[in-house]
N, C-alpha and C. Protein backbone atom coordinates (compact mmCIF):
# COMPACT_ATOMS: atom_id res chain seq x y z
N MET A 1 22.98 17.95 -22.28
CA MET A 1 22.82 19.01 -21.32
C MET A 1 24.21 19.57 -21.02
N ASN A 2 24.25 20.83 -20.75
CA ASN A 2 25.52 21.49 -20.46
C ASN A 2 26.18 20.86 -19.23
N ASN A 3 27.48 20.70 -19.29
CA ASN A 3 28.22 20.02 -18.23
C ASN A 3 28.15 20.78 -16.90
N ILE A 4 28.17 22.10 -16.96
CA ILE A 4 28.09 22.91 -15.74
C ILE A 4 26.71 22.77 -15.09
N ILE A 5 25.66 22.77 -15.89
CA ILE A 5 24.31 22.60 -15.35
C ILE A 5 24.16 21.22 -14.73
N GLN A 6 24.74 20.21 -15.37
CA GLN A 6 24.70 18.85 -14.83
C GLN A 6 25.39 18.77 -13.47
N LYS A 7 26.52 19.45 -13.33
CA LYS A 7 27.24 19.45 -12.06
C LYS A 7 26.47 20.21 -10.97
N ILE A 8 25.80 21.28 -11.34
CA ILE A 8 24.99 22.03 -10.38
C ILE A 8 23.82 21.18 -9.91
N LEU A 9 23.17 20.46 -10.83
CA LEU A 9 22.09 19.56 -10.44
C LEU A 9 22.60 18.45 -9.52
N SER A 10 23.77 17.91 -9.81
CA SER A 10 24.34 16.86 -8.97
C SER A 10 24.64 17.38 -7.57
N LEU A 11 25.20 18.58 -7.48
CA LEU A 11 25.48 19.17 -6.18
C LEU A 11 24.19 19.44 -5.41
N THR A 12 23.17 19.94 -6.09
CA THR A 12 21.88 20.18 -5.45
C THR A 12 21.28 18.88 -4.92
N LEU A 13 21.36 17.82 -5.73
CA LEU A 13 20.84 16.53 -5.28
C LEU A 13 21.58 16.03 -4.04
N LEU A 14 22.89 16.14 -4.05
CA LEU A 14 23.66 15.67 -2.89
C LEU A 14 23.31 16.45 -1.63
N ILE A 15 23.19 17.76 -1.75
CA ILE A 15 22.87 18.59 -0.59
C ILE A 15 21.47 18.28 -0.05
N LEU A 16 20.49 18.18 -0.94
CA LEU A 16 19.12 17.93 -0.49
C LEU A 16 18.96 16.53 0.09
N ILE A 17 19.60 15.54 -0.51
CA ILE A 17 19.52 14.18 0.04
C ILE A 17 20.19 14.13 1.41
N THR A 18 21.29 14.85 1.57
CA THR A 18 21.95 14.91 2.87
C THR A 18 21.05 15.57 3.91
N LEU A 19 20.38 16.65 3.54
CA LEU A 19 19.47 17.32 4.48
C LEU A 19 18.31 16.42 4.88
N LEU A 20 17.74 15.69 3.91
CA LEU A 20 16.64 14.79 4.25
C LEU A 20 17.12 13.60 5.08
N THR A 21 18.36 13.18 4.87
CA THR A 21 18.91 12.11 5.70
C THR A 21 19.10 12.60 7.14
N PHE A 22 19.57 13.82 7.30
CA PHE A 22 19.68 14.40 8.64
C PHE A 22 18.31 14.49 9.31
N ASP A 23 17.28 14.84 8.55
CA ASP A 23 15.94 14.90 9.10
C ASP A 23 15.44 13.51 9.49
N TYR A 24 15.76 12.51 8.69
CA TYR A 24 15.32 11.14 8.97
C TYR A 24 15.92 10.63 10.28
N PHE A 25 17.19 10.96 10.53
CA PHE A 25 17.85 10.52 11.75
C PHE A 25 17.73 11.54 12.88
N LYS A 26 16.87 12.53 12.73
CA LYS A 26 16.55 13.53 13.75
C LYS A 26 17.75 14.38 14.17
N VAL A 27 18.70 14.59 13.27
CA VAL A 27 19.79 15.53 13.53
C VAL A 27 19.26 16.94 13.36
N ILE A 28 18.49 17.14 12.29
CA ILE A 28 17.78 18.39 12.02
C ILE A 28 16.32 18.02 11.84
N GLU A 29 15.42 18.82 12.37
CA GLU A 29 14.01 18.53 12.18
C GLU A 29 13.39 19.60 11.29
N PHE A 30 12.81 19.15 10.19
CA PHE A 30 12.14 20.05 9.26
C PHE A 30 10.64 19.93 9.43
N ASP A 31 9.96 21.00 9.04
CA ASP A 31 8.51 20.99 8.99
C ASP A 31 8.06 20.02 7.90
N LYS A 32 6.85 19.51 8.02
CA LYS A 32 6.32 18.55 7.04
C LYS A 32 6.27 19.16 5.64
N VAL A 33 5.90 20.43 5.55
CA VAL A 33 5.81 21.10 4.25
C VAL A 33 7.19 21.24 3.63
N LEU A 34 8.17 21.64 4.42
CA LEU A 34 9.53 21.79 3.90
C LEU A 34 10.12 20.45 3.47
N LYS A 35 9.84 19.40 4.24
CA LYS A 35 10.31 18.07 3.88
C LYS A 35 9.68 17.62 2.55
N ASN A 36 8.40 17.89 2.38
CA ASN A 36 7.74 17.54 1.11
C ASN A 36 8.29 18.35 -0.05
N CYS A 37 8.61 19.62 0.18
CA CYS A 37 9.21 20.45 -0.87
C CYS A 37 10.58 19.92 -1.27
N PHE A 38 11.41 19.56 -0.29
CA PHE A 38 12.72 18.98 -0.59
C PHE A 38 12.58 17.69 -1.38
N THR A 39 11.64 16.85 -0.99
CA THR A 39 11.42 15.59 -1.71
C THR A 39 11.00 15.85 -3.14
N PHE A 40 10.10 16.80 -3.35
CA PHE A 40 9.65 17.13 -4.70
C PHE A 40 10.81 17.67 -5.54
N ILE A 41 11.64 18.53 -4.97
CA ILE A 41 12.78 19.08 -5.70
C ILE A 41 13.78 17.98 -6.05
N ILE A 42 13.99 17.03 -5.13
CA ILE A 42 14.88 15.90 -5.41
C ILE A 42 14.36 15.07 -6.57
N VAL A 43 13.07 14.78 -6.57
CA VAL A 43 12.49 13.96 -7.64
C VAL A 43 12.59 14.68 -8.98
N ILE A 44 12.23 15.95 -9.03
CA ILE A 44 12.28 16.70 -10.29
C ILE A 44 13.71 16.85 -10.78
N SER A 45 14.64 17.19 -9.88
CA SER A 45 16.04 17.33 -10.29
C SER A 45 16.62 16.02 -10.78
N SER A 46 16.25 14.94 -10.13
CA SER A 46 16.75 13.63 -10.53
C SER A 46 16.21 13.22 -11.90
N VAL A 47 14.94 13.48 -12.14
CA VAL A 47 14.36 13.15 -13.44
C VAL A 47 15.01 13.99 -14.54
N ILE A 48 15.19 15.28 -14.31
CA ILE A 48 15.81 16.14 -15.31
C ILE A 48 17.24 15.71 -15.58
N SER A 49 17.99 15.43 -14.53
CA SER A 49 19.37 15.01 -14.68
C SER A 49 19.48 13.67 -15.40
N SER A 50 18.66 12.71 -15.01
CA SER A 50 18.71 11.38 -15.63
C SER A 50 18.28 11.42 -17.09
N MET A 51 17.24 12.15 -17.38
CA MET A 51 16.79 12.23 -18.77
C MET A 51 17.80 12.96 -19.64
N GLY A 52 18.47 13.95 -19.07
CA GLY A 52 19.53 14.64 -19.82
C GLY A 52 20.66 13.71 -20.19
N VAL A 53 21.02 12.81 -19.28
CA VAL A 53 22.10 11.86 -19.57
C VAL A 53 21.62 10.78 -20.53
N ILE A 54 20.40 10.30 -20.34
CA ILE A 54 19.87 9.24 -21.22
C ILE A 54 19.77 9.73 -22.66
N LEU A 55 19.35 10.97 -22.85
CA LEU A 55 19.17 11.50 -24.20
C LEU A 55 20.46 12.01 -24.83
N SER A 56 21.53 12.09 -24.07
CA SER A 56 22.80 12.57 -24.62
C SER A 56 23.63 11.40 -25.13
N LYS A 57 24.84 11.73 -25.57
CA LYS A 57 25.74 10.69 -26.07
C LYS A 57 26.69 10.24 -24.97
N ALA A 58 26.13 9.89 -23.83
CA ALA A 58 26.93 9.43 -22.69
C ALA A 58 27.32 7.97 -22.90
N PRO A 59 28.37 7.53 -22.21
CA PRO A 59 28.76 6.11 -22.30
C PRO A 59 27.65 5.19 -21.79
N GLY A 60 27.72 3.93 -22.16
CA GLY A 60 26.67 2.97 -21.82
C GLY A 60 26.47 2.77 -20.34
N PHE A 61 27.56 2.78 -19.55
CA PHE A 61 27.42 2.58 -18.11
C PHE A 61 26.66 3.73 -17.46
N MET A 62 26.92 4.95 -17.89
CA MET A 62 26.21 6.10 -17.33
C MET A 62 24.73 6.05 -17.69
N LYS A 63 24.43 5.63 -18.91
CA LYS A 63 23.02 5.49 -19.29
C LYS A 63 22.34 4.41 -18.46
N PHE A 64 23.05 3.30 -18.21
CA PHE A 64 22.49 2.22 -17.41
C PHE A 64 22.15 2.70 -16.00
N ILE A 65 23.06 3.43 -15.38
CA ILE A 65 22.81 3.96 -14.03
C ILE A 65 21.58 4.86 -14.03
N ASN A 66 21.45 5.69 -15.05
CA ASN A 66 20.31 6.61 -15.10
C ASN A 66 19.01 5.90 -15.44
N TYR A 67 19.07 4.83 -16.24
CA TYR A 67 17.87 4.02 -16.45
C TYR A 67 17.42 3.38 -15.13
N VAL A 68 18.37 2.88 -14.35
CA VAL A 68 18.03 2.29 -13.05
C VAL A 68 17.42 3.34 -12.13
N ILE A 69 17.96 4.56 -12.16
CA ILE A 69 17.41 5.65 -11.35
C ILE A 69 15.96 5.93 -11.73
N ILE A 70 15.69 6.06 -13.02
CA ILE A 70 14.33 6.38 -13.48
C ILE A 70 13.37 5.24 -13.15
N ILE A 71 13.76 4.00 -13.43
CA ILE A 71 12.86 2.86 -13.20
C ILE A 71 12.59 2.68 -11.71
N SER A 72 13.63 2.78 -10.88
CA SER A 72 13.41 2.62 -9.44
C SER A 72 12.59 3.78 -8.87
N LEU A 73 12.74 4.97 -9.44
CA LEU A 73 11.93 6.10 -9.01
C LEU A 73 10.45 5.87 -9.33
N LEU A 74 10.17 5.39 -10.53
CA LEU A 74 8.78 5.14 -10.91
C LEU A 74 8.15 4.04 -10.06
N ILE A 75 8.83 2.91 -9.93
CA ILE A 75 8.27 1.80 -9.15
C ILE A 75 8.18 2.17 -7.67
N GLY A 76 9.23 2.77 -7.13
CA GLY A 76 9.21 3.18 -5.72
C GLY A 76 8.16 4.23 -5.43
N GLY A 77 7.97 5.17 -6.36
CA GLY A 77 6.94 6.19 -6.17
C GLY A 77 5.54 5.60 -6.14
N MET A 78 5.30 4.64 -7.04
CA MET A 78 3.98 3.99 -7.04
C MET A 78 3.76 3.18 -5.76
N LEU A 79 4.80 2.50 -5.28
CA LEU A 79 4.65 1.72 -4.05
C LEU A 79 4.50 2.61 -2.82
N ILE A 80 5.13 3.78 -2.82
CA ILE A 80 4.94 4.71 -1.70
C ILE A 80 3.51 5.21 -1.67
N ILE A 81 2.95 5.48 -2.84
CA ILE A 81 1.57 5.97 -2.89
C ILE A 81 0.60 4.90 -2.41
N THR A 82 0.83 3.64 -2.79
CA THR A 82 -0.11 2.58 -2.41
C THR A 82 0.11 2.07 -0.98
N GLN A 83 1.36 2.03 -0.49
CA GLN A 83 1.63 1.43 0.81
C GLN A 83 1.98 2.44 1.90
N ASN A 84 2.26 3.68 1.55
CA ASN A 84 2.60 4.74 2.50
C ASN A 84 3.82 4.43 3.37
N LYS A 85 4.83 3.78 2.82
CA LYS A 85 6.08 3.57 3.55
C LYS A 85 7.22 3.44 2.55
N LEU A 86 8.44 3.67 3.04
CA LEU A 86 9.60 3.55 2.18
C LEU A 86 9.81 2.09 1.81
N ASN A 87 10.42 1.87 0.65
CA ASN A 87 10.63 0.51 0.18
C ASN A 87 12.02 0.36 -0.43
N LEU A 88 12.31 -0.83 -0.91
CA LEU A 88 13.62 -1.13 -1.47
C LEU A 88 13.90 -0.30 -2.71
N PHE A 89 12.89 -0.02 -3.52
CA PHE A 89 13.11 0.74 -4.75
C PHE A 89 13.52 2.18 -4.46
N VAL A 90 12.99 2.75 -3.40
CA VAL A 90 13.39 4.11 -3.02
C VAL A 90 14.84 4.09 -2.53
N ALA A 91 15.22 3.05 -1.81
CA ALA A 91 16.61 2.93 -1.37
C ALA A 91 17.54 2.78 -2.57
N ILE A 92 17.15 1.98 -3.56
CA ILE A 92 17.94 1.83 -4.78
C ILE A 92 18.05 3.16 -5.51
N PHE A 93 16.93 3.88 -5.59
CA PHE A 93 16.93 5.20 -6.22
C PHE A 93 17.92 6.14 -5.53
N LEU A 94 17.89 6.17 -4.21
CA LEU A 94 18.78 7.07 -3.47
C LEU A 94 20.24 6.66 -3.62
N ILE A 95 20.53 5.37 -3.54
CA ILE A 95 21.91 4.90 -3.66
C ILE A 95 22.47 5.21 -5.04
N PHE A 96 21.71 4.92 -6.08
CA PHE A 96 22.20 5.18 -7.43
C PHE A 96 22.28 6.67 -7.73
N THR A 97 21.36 7.46 -7.19
CA THR A 97 21.42 8.91 -7.39
C THR A 97 22.65 9.50 -6.71
N ILE A 98 22.91 9.07 -5.49
CA ILE A 98 24.10 9.56 -4.78
C ILE A 98 25.37 9.14 -5.49
N SER A 99 25.42 7.87 -5.91
CA SER A 99 26.65 7.40 -6.58
C SER A 99 26.86 8.11 -7.91
N TYR A 100 25.78 8.31 -8.69
CA TYR A 100 25.95 9.01 -9.96
C TYR A 100 26.34 10.47 -9.73
N SER A 101 25.75 11.10 -8.74
CA SER A 101 26.09 12.50 -8.46
C SER A 101 27.55 12.65 -8.05
N LEU A 102 28.03 11.72 -7.23
CA LEU A 102 29.44 11.77 -6.84
C LEU A 102 30.36 11.51 -8.03
N ILE A 103 29.99 10.56 -8.89
CA ILE A 103 30.78 10.30 -10.10
C ILE A 103 30.79 11.54 -10.98
N ASP A 104 29.63 12.17 -11.11
CA ASP A 104 29.53 13.36 -11.96
C ASP A 104 30.34 14.52 -11.39
N MET A 105 30.32 14.68 -10.08
CA MET A 105 31.04 15.80 -9.46
C MET A 105 32.55 15.58 -9.41
N LEU A 106 32.98 14.36 -9.11
CA LEU A 106 34.40 14.13 -8.84
C LEU A 106 35.16 13.51 -10.01
N TYR A 107 34.53 12.59 -10.73
CA TYR A 107 35.26 11.83 -11.72
C TYR A 107 35.29 12.51 -13.09
N LYS A 108 34.13 12.98 -13.53
CA LYS A 108 34.06 13.60 -14.85
C LYS A 108 34.79 14.94 -14.85
N SER A 109 35.48 15.22 -15.93
CA SER A 109 36.19 16.50 -16.03
C SER A 109 35.24 17.59 -16.51
N ALA A 110 35.52 18.82 -16.13
CA ALA A 110 34.63 19.93 -16.47
C ALA A 110 34.77 20.36 -17.89
């Protein structure tokens, strides 16, 4: 995937995760529909970004981080559907997504 597109996706992910975190701690309150739209955009952007890295010739550590993102997203998504609450896999997904996005934005050269 093009490096500029990857950086735009990383920036989008960071901004949307920050907005949803503000909503979670009641700094900003979003409507239920808007919150669901942000969550959907985060999931789709994360899948596109992770699959782009997995299918490219990225170093092994970057592929490992993106495999963890995809697997934790799948398991966490299934557990959210069955239990209707956040779980450890969603937290792992968010932590690894934020860390990879920051690495992509700050560490990798353009």
